Amino acid sequence: MNKNRPVNLDLRTIKQPLPAITSILHRVTGVALFFGAIFMVYTLGLSLESPQGFAEAQEMLQESFLAKLIAWGLVSALLYHFFAGIKHLIMDAGFCEELESGQRAAKVTLVVAVVAILLAGVWIW
């Protein structure tokens, strides 16, 4: 191996292909869902404590901008993770593994996820 070859360590200048970006986003949304489970479990616990706790959780999710933003972020992460996971399952089955079909699958994943996220935003807000 040539030890004098140039090495680019600046991540801002590296051009990743679209399938790599969708795969990285799939991992990021998985981590976001893991940490977002804290908010979901807190809200579930609050709603199951008592009728007053249920009313408090309901009011929080209906009136608090921050709670709605967190809920929309979690639903968005879940939707993207779901559609990217389906893409990965299709690829595991041996389809869309070529360069051109992989690019197309990545584009379809992004478009479907964006549409679903926007619809979820309308539903939540």
C-alpha atoms as a PDB file:
ATOM      1  CA  MET A   1       0.000   0.000   0.000  1.00  0.00           C
ATOM      2  CA  ASN A   2       1.259   3.460  -0.875  1.00  0.00           C
ATOM      3  CA  LYS A   3       1.808   5.427   2.339  1.00  0.00           C
ATOM      4  CA  ASN A   4       2.214   8.711   0.458  1.00  0.00           C
ATOM      5  CA  ARG A   5      -1.317   8.758  -0.920  1.00  0.00           C
ATOM      6  CA  PRO A   6      -3.486  11.721   0.054  1.00  0.00           C
ATOM      7  CA  VAL A   7      -6.040  11.126   2.764  1.00  0.00           C
ATOM      8  CA  ASN A   8      -9.133  13.311   2.986  1.00  0.00           C
ATOM      9  CA  LEU A   9     -10.456  13.405   6.530  1.00  0.00           C
ATOM     10  CA  ASP A  10     -12.745  16.411   6.078  1.00  0.00           C
ATOM     11  CA  LEU A  11     -16.231  14.867   6.180  1.00  0.00           C
ATOM     12  CA  ARG A  12     -17.797  18.016   4.722  1.00  0.00           C
ATOM     13  CA  THR A  13     -15.978  17.541   1.406  1.00  0.00           C
ATOM     14  CA  ILE A  14     -16.647  13.826   0.934  1.00  0.00           C
ATOM     15  CA  LYS A  15     -19.484  13.245  -1.539  1.00  0.00           C
ATOM     16  CA  GLN A  16     -21.560  10.306  -0.371  1.00  0.00           C
ATOM     17  CA  PRO A  17     -23.848   8.504  -2.838  1.00  0.00           C
ATOM     18  CA  LEU A  18     -27.576   8.740  -2.170  1.00  0.00           C
ATOM     19  CA  PRO A  19     -27.937   5.094  -1.014  1.00  0.00           C
ATOM     20  CA  ALA A  20     -25.219   5.731   1.590  1.00  0.00           C
ATOM     21  CA  ILE A  21     -27.033   8.844   2.816  1.00  0.00           C
ATOM     22  CA  THR A  22     -30.322   6.937   3.172  1.00  0.00           C
ATOM     23  CA  SER A  23     -28.525   4.161   5.045  1.00  0.00           C
ATOM     24  CA  ILE A  24     -26.882   6.659   7.419  1.00  0.00           C
ATOM     25  CA  LEU A  25     -30.249   8.358   7.995  1.00  0.00           C
ATOM     26  CA  HIS A  26     -31.729   4.935   8.776  1.00  0.00           C
ATOM     27  CA  ARG A  27     -29.174   4.479  11.544  1.00  0.00           C
ATOM     28  CA  VAL A  28     -29.640   8.032  12.844  1.00  0.00           C
ATOM     29  CA  THR A  29     -33.420   7.612  13.053  1.00  0.00           C
ATOM     30  CA  GLY A  30     -32.917   4.341  14.912  1.00  0.00           C
ATOM     31  CA  VAL A  31     -30.811   6.123  17.531  1.00  0.00           C
ATOM     32  CA  ALA A  32     -33.387   8.950  17.704  1.00  0.00           C
ATOM     33  CA  LEU A  33     -36.153   6.405  18.328  1.00  0.00           C
ATOM     34  CA  PHE A  34     -34.090   4.768  21.063  1.00  0.00           C
ATOM     35  CA  PHE A  35     -33.646   8.047  22.931  1.00  0.00           C
ATOM     36  CA  GLY A  36     -37.161   9.228  22.054  1.00  0.00           C
ATOM     37  CA  ALA A  37     -38.509   6.230  23.913  1.00  0.00           C
ATOM     38  CA  ILE A  38     -37.793   8.185  27.114  1.00  0.00           C
ATOM     39  CA  PHE A  39     -40.432  10.772  26.158  1.00  0.00           C
ATOM     40  CA  MET A  40     -42.863   8.086  25.027  1.00  0.00           C
ATOM     41  CA  VAL A  41     -42.516   6.050  28.242  1.00  0.00           C
ATOM     42  CA  TYR A  42     -42.841   9.190  30.389  1.00  0.00           C
ATOM     43  CA  THR A  43     -46.024  10.216  28.597  1.00  0.00           C
ATOM     44  CA  LEU A  44     -47.441   6.687  28.768  1.00  0.00           C
ATOM     45  CA  GLY A  45     -46.654   6.434  32.490  1.00  0.00           C
ATOM     46  CA  LEU A  46     -48.232   9.822  33.129  1.00  0.00           C
ATOM     47  CA  SER A  47     -51.378   8.842  31.269  1.00  0.00           C
ATOM     48  CA  LEU A  48     -51.714   5.561  33.174  1.00  0.00           C
ATOM     49  CA  GLU A  49     -51.210   7.005  36.668  1.00  0.00           C
ATOM     50  CA  SER A  50     -54.690   8.386  37.177  1.00  0.00           C
ATOM     51  CA  PRO A  51     -57.504  10.139  35.345  1.00  0.00           C
ATOM     52  CA  GLN A  52     -55.806  13.443  36.219  1.00  0.00           C
ATOM     53  CA  GLY A  53     -52.519  12.180  34.787  1.00  0.00           C
ATOM     54  CA  PHE A  54     -54.295  11.139  31.603  1.00  0.00           C
ATOM     55  CA  ALA A  55     -55.843  14.600  31.323  1.00  0.00           C
ATOM     56  CA  GLU A  56     -52.435  16.189  31.932  1.00  0.00           C
ATOM     57  CA  ALA A  57     -50.773  14.043  29.235  1.00  0.00           C
ATOM     58  CA  GLN A  58     -53.619  14.784  26.847  1.00  0.00           C
ATOM     59  CA  GLU A  59     -53.352  18.514  27.495  1.00  0.00           C
ATOM     60  CA  MET A  60     -49.576  18.403  27.091  1.00  0.00           C
ATOM     61  CA  LEU A  61     -49.814  16.681  23.714  1.00  0.00           C
ATOM     62  CA  GLN A  62     -52.584  18.968  22.494  1.00  0.00           C
ATOM     63  CA  GLU A  63     -51.381  22.364  23.687  1.00  0.00           C
ATOM     64  CA  SER A  64     -47.618  22.301  24.243  1.00  0.00           C
ATOM     65  CA  PHE A  65     -45.587  23.328  21.190  1.00  0.00           C
ATOM     66  CA  LEU A  66     -42.519  21.471  22.467  1.00  0.00           C
ATOM     67  CA  ALA A  67     -44.471  18.254  23.108  1.00  0.00           C
ATOM     68  CA  LYS A  68     -46.010  18.416  19.623  1.00  0.00           C
ATOM     69  CA  LEU A  69     -42.582  19.040  18.107  1.00  0.00           C
ATOM     70  CA  ILE A  70     -41.100  16.072  19.959  1.00  0.00           C
ATOM     71  CA  ALA A  71     -44.054  13.877  18.985  1.00  0.00           C
ATOM     72  CA  TRP A  72     -43.747  14.924  15.342  1.00  0.00           C
ATOM     73  CA  GLY A  73     -40.011  14.285  15.437  1.00  0.00           C
ATOM     74  CA  LEU A  74     -40.557  10.803  16.845  1.00  0.00           C
ATOM     75  CA  VAL A  75     -43.289   9.984  14.339  1.00  0.00           C
ATOM     76  CA  SER A  76     -41.060  11.328  11.546  1.00  0.00           C
ATOM     77  CA  ALA A  77     -38.145   9.188  12.704  1.00  0.00           C
ATOM     78  CA  LEU A  78     -40.424   6.166  12.955  1.00  0.00           C
ATOM     79  CA  LEU A  79     -41.842   6.681   9.463  1.00  0.00           C
ATOM     80  CA  TYR A  80     -38.438   7.165   7.836  1.00  0.00           C
ATOM     81  CA  HIS A  81     -36.971   4.228   9.749  1.00  0.00           C
ATOM     82  CA  PHE A  82     -39.912   2.067   8.658  1.00  0.00           C
ATOM     83  CA  PHE A  83     -39.606   2.877   4.943  1.00  0.00           C
ATOM     84  CA  ALA A  84     -35.807   2.625   4.943  1.00  0.00           C
ATOM     85  CA  GLY A  85     -36.107  -0.702   6.760  1.00  0.00           C
ATOM     86  CA  ILE A  86     -38.404  -1.985   4.024  1.00  0.00           C
ATOM     87  CA  LYS A  87     -35.826  -0.864   1.448  1.00  0.00           C
ATOM     88  CA  HIS A  88     -33.122  -2.755   3.350  1.00  0.00           C
ATOM     89  CA  LEU A  89     -35.307  -5.882   3.506  1.00  0.00           C
ATOM     90  CA  ILE A  90     -35.866  -5.707  -0.255  1.00  0.00           C
ATOM     91  CA  MET A  91     -32.129  -5.356  -0.762  1.00  0.00           C
ATOM     92  CA  ASP A  92     -31.491  -8.307   1.564  1.00  0.00           C
ATOM     93  CA  ALA A  93     -33.779 -10.347  -0.676  1.00  0.00           C
ATOM     94  CA  GLY A  94     -31.430  -9.618  -3.589  1.00  0.00           C
ATOM     95  CA  PHE A  95     -33.287  -6.814  -5.344  1.00  0.00           C
ATOM     96  CA  CYS A  96     -32.115  -3.241  -6.037  1.00  0.00           C
ATOM     97  CA  GLU A  97     -28.485  -4.083  -5.349  1.00  0.00           C
ATOM     98  CA  GLU A  98     -27.119  -2.662  -8.603  1.00  0.00           C
ATOM     99  CA  LEU A  99     -25.970   0.940  -8.805  1.00  0.00           C
ATOM    100  CA  GLU A 100     -28.874   2.278 -10.878  1.00  0.00           C
ATOM    101  CA  SER A 101     -31.633   0.385  -9.068  1.00  0.00           C
ATOM    102  CA  GLY A 102     -30.083   1.227  -5.689  1.00  0.00           C
ATOM    103  CA  GLN A 103     -30.175   4.927  -6.586  1.00  0.00           C
ATOM    104  CA  ARG A 104     -33.818   4.590  -7.639  1.00  0.00           C
ATOM    105  CA  ALA A 105     -34.733   2.730  -4.434  1.00  0.00           C
ATOM    106  CA  ALA A 106     -33.043   5.431  -2.343  1.00  0.00           C
ATOM    107  CA  LYS A 107     -34.975   8.172  -4.174  1.00  0.00           C
ATOM    108  CA  VAL A 108     -38.271   6.317  -3.739  1.00  0.00           C
ATOM    109  CA  THR A 109     -37.536   5.824  -0.039  1.00  0.00           C
ATOM    110  CA  LEU A 110     -36.862   9.524   0.458  1.00  0.00           C
ATOM    111  CA  VAL A 111     -39.931  10.656  -1.486  1.00  0.00           C
ATOM    112  CA  VAL A 112     -42.310   8.249   0.260  1.00  0.00           C
ATOM    113  CA  ALA A 113     -40.859   9.137   3.675  1.00  0.00           C
ATOM    114  CA  VAL A 114     -41.115  12.889   3.058  1.00  0.00           C
ATOM    115  CA  VAL A 115     -44.744  12.578   1.949  1.00  0.00           C
ATOM    116  CA  ALA A 116     -45.585  10.431   4.986  1.00  0.00           C
ATOM    117  CA  ILE A 117     -43.761  12.844   7.328  1.00  0.00           C
ATOM    118  CA  LEU A 118     -45.636  15.828   5.915  1.00  0.00           C
ATOM    119  CA  LEU A 119     -48.959  14.011   6.297  1.00  0.00           C
ATOM    120  CA  ALA A 120     -48.035  13.135   9.883  1.00  0.00           C
ATOM    121  CA  GLY A 121     -47.215  16.788  10.499  1.00  0.00           C
ATOM    122  CA  VAL A 122     -50.651  17.814   9.274  1.00  0.00           C
ATOM    123  CA  TRP A 123     -52.226  15.138  11.488  1.00  0.00           C
ATOM    124  CA  ILE A 124     -50.264  16.160  14.615  1.00  0.00           C
ATOM    125  CA  TRP A 125     -50.525  19.948  14.222  1.00  0.00           C
END
